[in-house]
Amino acid sequence: MSKLFDIEEVQWTQEEGGVRYCVFQASEQATVQYYEIPKGQQTAQVSSPCEILVLCENGICDYVIDGITYPVNDGVWCWIPAGCTYFVKNRDGSTAVNVRYYLPAWDSLPESPKITDRGHNWQ
């Protein structure tokens, strides 16, 4: 069964420094976390039992994985092994957008609740 997730329909979670994200539990095989990082801010550090595939969709960021810094920019993908500590810092002048794919799904990130309906409710 297909599922639709619209970031404009869900409640976002706010972290320190204005970082915000929403979560889509796509299936038992994948959790997707879409997040925005304001200029000069960074995400919380995480360590997941899942592998993480992360995309820097927009921005210039540092991916810090197990203490090693990897500079990335728009369109760069990164594979992070399970159990590594990881965070992202925005080095750009605008809000950075990153997308994390946890494989398999990570139950510790509940799906963001739907708070509005934009009318495309197919399943």
N, C-alpha and C. Protein backbone atom coordinates (compact mmCIF):
# COMPACT_ATOMS: atom_id res chain seq x y z
N MET A 1 0.84 -1.18 0.00
CA MET A 1 0.00 0.00 0.00
C MET A 1 0.89 1.25 0.00
N SER A 2 0.57 2.19 -0.84
CA SER A 2 1.30 3.46 -0.89
C SER A 2 0.80 4.38 0.20
N LYS A 3 1.69 5.27 0.65
CA LYS A 3 1.33 6.27 1.66
C LYS A 3 1.84 7.62 1.19
N LEU A 4 1.12 8.64 1.55
CA LEU A 4 1.51 10.01 1.22
C LEU A 4 1.82 10.75 2.52
N PHE A 5 2.90 11.49 2.52
CA PHE A 5 3.28 12.29 3.68
C PHE A 5 3.58 13.70 3.19
N ASP A 6 2.86 14.68 3.69
CA ASP A 6 3.01 16.07 3.27
C ASP A 6 3.55 16.87 4.46
N ILE A 7 4.74 17.45 4.31
CA ILE A 7 5.35 18.19 5.42
C ILE A 7 4.54 19.43 5.82
N GLU A 8 3.62 19.86 4.95
CA GLU A 8 2.76 21.00 5.26
C GLU A 8 1.51 20.61 6.05
N GLU A 9 1.29 19.30 6.23
CA GLU A 9 0.12 18.83 6.95
C GLU A 9 0.41 18.38 8.38
N VAL A 10 1.68 18.31 8.75
CA VAL A 10 2.04 17.70 10.04
C VAL A 10 2.61 18.69 11.04
N GLN A 11 2.61 18.27 12.27
CA GLN A 11 3.20 19.05 13.36
C GLN A 11 4.71 18.81 13.36
N TRP A 12 5.47 19.89 13.40
CA TRP A 12 6.93 19.81 13.42
C TRP A 12 7.42 19.80 14.87
N THR A 13 8.57 19.18 15.08
CA THR A 13 9.24 19.18 16.38
C THR A 13 10.34 20.23 16.35
N GLN A 14 10.39 21.08 17.38
CA GLN A 14 11.41 22.14 17.48
C GLN A 14 12.53 21.68 18.41
N GLU A 15 13.77 21.87 17.98
CA GLU A 15 14.95 21.65 18.82
C GLU A 15 15.54 23.02 19.17
N GLU A 16 16.59 23.01 19.96
CA GLU A 16 17.29 24.26 20.29
C GLU A 16 17.82 24.92 19.03
N GLY A 17 17.92 26.24 19.07
CA GLY A 17 18.51 27.00 17.98
C GLY A 17 17.65 27.09 16.74
N GLY A 18 16.37 26.71 16.84
CA GLY A 18 15.48 26.82 15.71
C GLY A 18 15.47 25.65 14.75
N VAL A 19 16.28 24.61 15.03
CA VAL A 19 16.24 23.41 14.19
C VAL A 19 14.87 22.78 14.35
N ARG A 20 14.26 22.37 13.24
CA ARG A 20 12.96 21.73 13.32
C ARG A 20 12.90 20.57 12.34
N TYR A 21 12.06 19.57 12.68
CA TYR A 21 11.95 18.40 11.83
C TYR A 21 10.57 17.77 11.92
N CYS A 22 10.28 16.93 10.93
CA CYS A 22 9.08 16.10 10.95
C CYS A 22 9.49 14.70 10.52
N VAL A 23 8.68 13.72 10.93
CA VAL A 23 9.04 12.31 10.73
C VAL A 23 7.91 11.57 10.01
N PHE A 24 8.30 10.76 9.04
CA PHE A 24 7.40 9.90 8.29
C PHE A 24 7.82 8.45 8.52
N GLN A 25 6.93 7.68 9.13
CA GLN A 25 7.18 6.24 9.27
C GLN A 25 6.63 5.57 8.01
N ALA A 26 7.46 5.49 6.99
CA ALA A 26 7.02 5.02 5.68
C ALA A 26 6.60 3.55 5.69
N SER A 27 7.34 2.72 6.42
CA SER A 27 7.05 1.29 6.50
C SER A 27 7.93 0.71 7.61
N GLU A 28 7.88 -0.59 7.77
CA GLU A 28 8.78 -1.24 8.73
C GLU A 28 10.22 -1.20 8.23
N GLN A 29 10.38 -0.87 6.96
CA GLN A 29 11.70 -0.86 6.36
C GLN A 29 12.37 0.52 6.34
N ALA A 30 11.60 1.60 6.61
CA ALA A 30 12.19 2.93 6.49
C ALA A 30 11.45 3.98 7.31
N THR A 31 12.24 4.79 8.01
CA THR A 31 11.77 6.01 8.66
C THR A 31 12.45 7.17 7.95
N VAL A 32 11.67 8.21 7.64
CA VAL A 32 12.23 9.37 6.96
C VAL A 32 12.07 10.58 7.88
N GLN A 33 13.18 11.32 8.06
CA GLN A 33 13.17 12.53 8.90
C GLN A 33 13.61 13.70 8.02
N TYR A 34 12.70 14.66 7.85
CA TYR A 34 12.97 15.86 7.05
C TYR A 34 13.24 16.98 8.03
N TYR A 35 14.38 17.66 7.92
CA TYR A 35 14.68 18.71 8.88
C TYR A 35 15.34 19.93 8.27
N GLU A 36 15.09 21.07 8.93
CA GLU A 36 15.61 22.36 8.51
C GLU A 36 16.52 22.89 9.62
N ILE A 37 17.69 23.39 9.20
CA ILE A 37 18.70 23.87 10.15
C ILE A 37 19.01 25.33 9.83
N PRO A 38 18.67 26.26 10.73
CA PRO A 38 18.99 27.67 10.47
C PRO A 38 20.51 27.91 10.42
N LYS A 39 20.89 29.03 9.83
CA LYS A 39 22.29 29.44 9.72
C LYS A 39 23.00 29.31 11.06
N GLY A 40 24.18 28.66 11.06
CA GLY A 40 25.03 28.56 12.23
C GLY A 40 24.57 27.57 13.29
N GLN A 41 23.46 26.88 13.06
CA GLN A 41 22.93 25.94 14.06
C GLN A 41 23.27 24.50 13.68
N GLN A 42 23.01 23.60 14.63
CA GLN A 42 23.26 22.19 14.35
C GLN A 42 22.16 21.32 14.94
N THR A 43 22.02 20.12 14.37
CA THR A 43 21.04 19.18 14.87
C THR A 43 21.55 18.55 16.17
N ALA A 44 20.65 17.91 16.88
CA ALA A 44 21.05 17.12 18.04
C ALA A 44 21.90 15.95 17.55
N GLN A 45 22.81 15.52 18.39
CA GLN A 45 23.62 14.35 18.06
C GLN A 45 22.78 13.09 18.26
N VAL A 46 22.84 12.18 17.30
CA VAL A 46 22.11 10.92 17.41
C VAL A 46 23.05 9.75 17.18
N SER A 47 22.65 8.63 17.71
CA SER A 47 23.28 7.35 17.43
C SER A 47 22.14 6.38 17.25
N SER A 48 22.04 5.79 16.09
CA SER A 48 20.90 4.95 15.75
C SER A 48 21.32 3.49 15.62
N PRO A 49 20.44 2.58 16.02
CA PRO A 49 20.71 1.17 15.76
C PRO A 49 20.52 0.82 14.28
N CYS A 50 20.01 1.78 13.51
CA CYS A 50 19.76 1.60 12.08
C CYS A 50 20.87 2.26 11.28
N GLU A 51 21.03 1.83 10.04
CA GLU A 51 21.88 2.56 9.12
C GLU A 51 21.13 3.82 8.71
N ILE A 52 21.87 4.89 8.37
CA ILE A 52 21.25 6.15 7.97
C ILE A 52 21.80 6.55 6.60
N LEU A 53 20.89 6.85 5.70
CA LEU A 53 21.25 7.46 4.42
C LEU A 53 20.76 8.90 4.52
N VAL A 54 21.66 9.87 4.37
CA VAL A 54 21.27 11.27 4.55
C VAL A 54 21.60 12.06 3.29
N LEU A 55 20.68 12.95 2.93
CA LEU A 55 20.84 13.81 1.77
C LEU A 55 20.89 15.26 2.22
N CYS A 56 21.90 15.99 1.79
CA CYS A 56 21.92 17.44 1.96
C CYS A 56 21.19 18.00 0.74
N GLU A 57 19.90 18.24 0.93
CA GLU A 57 19.06 18.70 -0.18
C GLU A 57 19.39 20.14 -0.55
N ASN A 58 19.66 20.96 0.48
CA ASN A 58 19.94 22.37 0.24
C ASN A 58 20.84 22.89 1.35
N GLY A 59 21.91 23.57 0.99
CA GLY A 59 22.78 24.20 1.98
C GLY A 59 24.21 23.73 1.91
N ILE A 60 25.01 24.31 2.77
CA ILE A 60 26.42 23.93 2.95
C ILE A 60 26.55 23.53 4.41
N CYS A 61 26.86 22.26 4.64
CA CYS A 61 26.83 21.72 5.99
C CYS A 61 28.11 20.95 6.30
N ASP A 62 28.34 20.74 7.57
CA ASP A 62 29.34 19.79 8.04
C ASP A 62 28.60 18.61 8.62
N TYR A 63 28.89 17.41 8.12
CA TYR A 63 28.38 16.19 8.73
C TYR A 63 29.49 15.71 9.67
N VAL A 64 29.19 15.62 10.94
CA VAL A 64 30.18 15.17 11.92
C VAL A 64 29.79 13.77 12.35
N ILE A 65 30.59 12.79 11.92
CA ILE A 65 30.30 11.38 12.13
C ILE A 65 31.44 10.77 12.93
N ASP A 66 31.11 10.31 14.13
CA ASP A 66 32.12 9.75 15.04
C ASP A 66 33.33 10.68 15.18
N GLY A 67 33.05 12.00 15.28
CA GLY A 67 34.09 12.99 15.52
C GLY A 67 34.83 13.46 14.29
N ILE A 68 34.56 12.91 13.13
CA ILE A 68 35.22 13.32 11.89
C ILE A 68 34.26 14.22 11.10
N THR A 69 34.75 15.38 10.66
CA THR A 69 33.94 16.35 9.94
C THR A 69 34.08 16.16 8.44
N TYR A 70 32.92 16.07 7.79
CA TYR A 70 32.86 15.94 6.33
C TYR A 70 32.06 17.11 5.78
N PRO A 71 32.69 18.06 5.06
CA PRO A 71 31.95 19.17 4.46
C PRO A 71 31.13 18.67 3.27
N VAL A 72 29.86 19.10 3.20
CA VAL A 72 28.98 18.70 2.10
C VAL A 72 28.20 19.92 1.61
N ASN A 73 27.59 19.76 0.45
CA ASN A 73 26.78 20.82 -0.14
C ASN A 73 25.57 20.20 -0.82
N ASP A 74 24.75 21.01 -1.48
CA ASP A 74 23.54 20.55 -2.17
C ASP A 74 23.80 19.27 -2.97
N GLY A 75 22.91 18.31 -2.79
CA GLY A 75 22.95 17.11 -3.61
C GLY A 75 23.90 16.02 -3.16
N VAL A 76 24.56 16.21 -2.02
CA VAL A 76 25.49 15.20 -1.53
C VAL A 76 24.75 14.21 -0.63
N TRP A 77 24.99 12.93 -0.87
CA TRP A 77 24.43 11.84 -0.06
C TRP A 77 25.53 11.26 0.81
N CYS A 78 25.16 10.75 1.98
CA CYS A 78 26.13 10.14 2.87
C CYS A 78 25.49 8.91 3.52
N TRP A 79 26.23 7.81 3.57
CA TRP A 79 25.79 6.58 4.23
C TRP A 79 26.47 6.50 5.59
N ILE A 80 25.69 6.35 6.65
CA ILE A 80 26.25 6.30 8.01
C ILE A 80 25.93 4.93 8.61
N PRO A 81 26.94 4.18 8.99
CA PRO A 81 26.70 2.86 9.57
C PRO A 81 25.94 2.94 10.90
N ALA A 82 25.21 1.88 11.21
CA ALA A 82 24.50 1.79 12.48
C ALA A 82 25.48 1.96 13.64
N GLY A 83 25.03 2.64 14.69
CA GLY A 83 25.83 2.80 15.90
C GLY A 83 26.78 3.98 15.91
N CYS A 84 26.97 4.68 14.79
CA CYS A 84 27.84 5.85 14.75
C CYS A 84 27.11 7.05 15.35
N THR A 85 27.86 7.93 16.02
CA THR A 85 27.26 9.19 16.48
C THR A 85 27.37 10.19 15.33
N TYR A 86 26.35 11.05 15.24
CA TYR A 86 26.24 11.88 14.04
C TYR A 86 25.45 13.14 14.34
N PHE A 87 25.89 14.28 13.79
CA PHE A 87 25.08 15.50 13.78
C PHE A 87 25.46 16.33 12.56
N VAL A 88 24.61 17.30 12.24
CA VAL A 88 24.83 18.18 11.08
C VAL A 88 24.89 19.62 11.56
N LYS A 89 25.86 20.37 11.06
CA LYS A 89 25.96 21.80 11.35
C LYS A 89 25.85 22.58 10.05
N ASN A 90 25.00 23.61 10.05
CA ASN A 90 24.80 24.46 8.88
C ASN A 90 25.90 25.53 8.84
N ARG A 91 26.66 25.57 7.75
CA ARG A 91 27.71 26.58 7.57
C ARG A 91 27.31 27.65 6.57
N ASP A 92 26.09 27.58 6.04
CA ASP A 92 25.63 28.45 4.97
C ASP A 92 24.91 29.68 5.54
N GLY A 93 24.62 30.63 4.68
CA GLY A 93 23.90 31.84 5.07
C GLY A 93 22.40 31.71 5.06
N SER A 94 21.89 30.54 4.68
CA SER A 94 20.45 30.33 4.64
C SER A 94 20.11 29.03 5.37
N THR A 95 18.82 28.75 5.47
CA THR A 95 18.38 27.53 6.13
C THR A 95 18.76 26.32 5.28
N ALA A 96 19.42 25.35 5.91
CA ALA A 96 19.79 24.11 5.24
C ALA A 96 18.65 23.11 5.39
N VAL A 97 18.44 22.30 4.37
CA VAL A 97 17.42 21.25 4.40
C VAL A 97 18.14 19.92 4.20
N ASN A 98 17.92 18.99 5.13
CA ASN A 98 18.50 17.66 5.04
C ASN A 98 17.39 16.63 5.23
N VAL A 99 17.60 15.45 4.66
CA VAL A 99 16.64 14.36 4.79
C VAL A 99 17.41 13.11 5.21
N ARG A 100 16.97 12.52 6.34
CA ARG A 100 17.58 11.27 6.83
C ARG A 100 16.63 10.11 6.55
N TYR A 101 17.20 9.02 6.05
CA TYR A 101 16.45 7.79 5.83
C TYR A 101 17.05 6.74 6.76
N TYR A 102 16.28 6.29 7.75
CA TYR A 102 16.72 5.26 8.68
C TYR A 102 16.28 3.91 8.12
N LEU A 103 17.24 2.99 7.96
CA LEU A 103 16.98 1.70 7.34
C LEU A 103 17.52 0.57 8.21
N PRO A 104 16.69 -0.33 8.74
CA PRO A 104 15.24 -0.35 8.66
C PRO A 104 14.64 0.78 9.50
N ALA A 105 13.32 0.81 9.61
CA ALA A 105 12.63 1.87 10.36
C ALA A 105 13.15 1.94 11.79
N TRP A 106 13.14 3.16 12.35
CA TRP A 106 13.59 3.38 13.72
C TRP A 106 12.37 3.79 14.54
N ASP A 107 11.91 2.88 15.40
CA ASP A 107 10.71 3.10 16.19
C ASP A 107 10.83 4.23 17.20
N SER A 108 12.05 4.64 17.54
CA SER A 108 12.24 5.72 18.51
C SER A 108 11.84 7.08 17.98
N LEU A 109 11.59 7.18 16.67
CA LEU A 109 11.13 8.42 16.06
C LEU A 109 9.67 8.24 15.63
N PRO A 110 8.71 8.63 16.47
CA PRO A 110 7.31 8.47 16.08
C PRO A 110 6.95 9.39 14.93
N GLU A 111 6.00 8.95 14.12
CA GLU A 111 5.55 9.77 12.99
C GLU A 111 4.92 11.07 13.49
N SER A 112 5.21 12.15 12.80
CA SER A 112 4.64 13.45 13.15
C SER A 112 3.13 13.43 12.96
N PRO A 113 2.38 13.91 13.95
CA PRO A 113 0.93 13.89 13.82
C PRO A 113 0.42 14.86 12.75
N LYS A 114 -0.60 14.42 12.04
CA LYS A 114 -1.24 15.25 11.03
C LYS A 114 -2.11 16.29 11.73
N ILE A 115 -1.97 17.57 11.35
CA ILE A 115 -2.72 18.64 12.01
C ILE A 115 -3.59 19.45 11.05
N THR A 116 -3.45 19.19 9.75
CA THR A 116 -4.29 19.86 8.77
C THR A 116 -4.45 18.95 7.56
N ASP A 117 -5.38 19.24 6.71
CA ASP A 117 -5.64 18.41 5.54
C ASP A 117 -5.61 19.28 4.29
N ARG A 118 -4.69 18.96 3.38
CA ARG A 118 -4.58 19.71 2.13
C ARG A 118 -5.28 19.02 0.97
N GLY A 119 -6.06 17.95 1.28
CA GLY A 119 -6.96 17.38 0.29
C GLY A 119 -6.41 16.30 -0.61
N HIS A 120 -5.22 15.80 -0.37
CA HIS A 120 -4.70 14.71 -1.23
C HIS A 120 -4.52 13.44 -0.39
N ASN A 121 -5.65 12.89 0.01
CA ASN A 121 -5.66 11.76 0.95
C ASN A 121 -5.79 10.42 0.23
N TRP A 122 -4.81 10.07 -0.58
CA TRP A 122 -4.82 8.76 -1.22
C TRP A 122 -3.96 7.82 -0.41
N GLN A 123 -4.26 6.54 -0.51
CA GLN A 123 -3.46 5.50 0.18
C GLN A 123 -3.17 4.36 -0.73
